Amino acid sequence: DLAASGSGMSLTRAELARAADISDDQLGQLEEYGLVIPAHTARDRVLFDEDALAIARVAGAFMRHGIEARHLRMYRAFADREAGLFEQILLPYRRQRNPEAQARYGQTLGDLSGLGRQLRTALLRQAVRRTLGS
């Protein structure tokens, strides 16, 4: 659910690396390429949320297949572009403060994210079949 607020999870760098089963160096690479972003920074303490953990876990699995963090930047770029597209569609709902508009915001965001997921899957399947001949 893209519209849901976070769980309030806060992990230090060391806790995040341990929970995602990646090394500190790998976490540094994920940060360097903008894949994992701290949720909170206060004085000398940097904290990460559940999204950072989910990203770090998936990125770690990619890394175990030999895919480096720099190769995963395309996912960040695509997510940012998709979020920008959704923002254009959803902005009118966000500007309205009535409950009906807020409900439409959540429903439309869910619809758009589901459609995006379906389109990405179909396009990837098509590309894999075309390039790998499967």
Foldseek 3Di string as FASTA:
>chain_A
DVPDDFPPDKDFLVRLCVLLVHDSVLLVLLVVLPNFDFPDDDDPTTIGGPSNSVSSNVQVVVVVVVDHNNNCSVVVVVVVVLVVVLCVVLVVLVVDDDPVSVVVSVVVVVVSVVVVVVVVVVVVVVVCCVPVVD
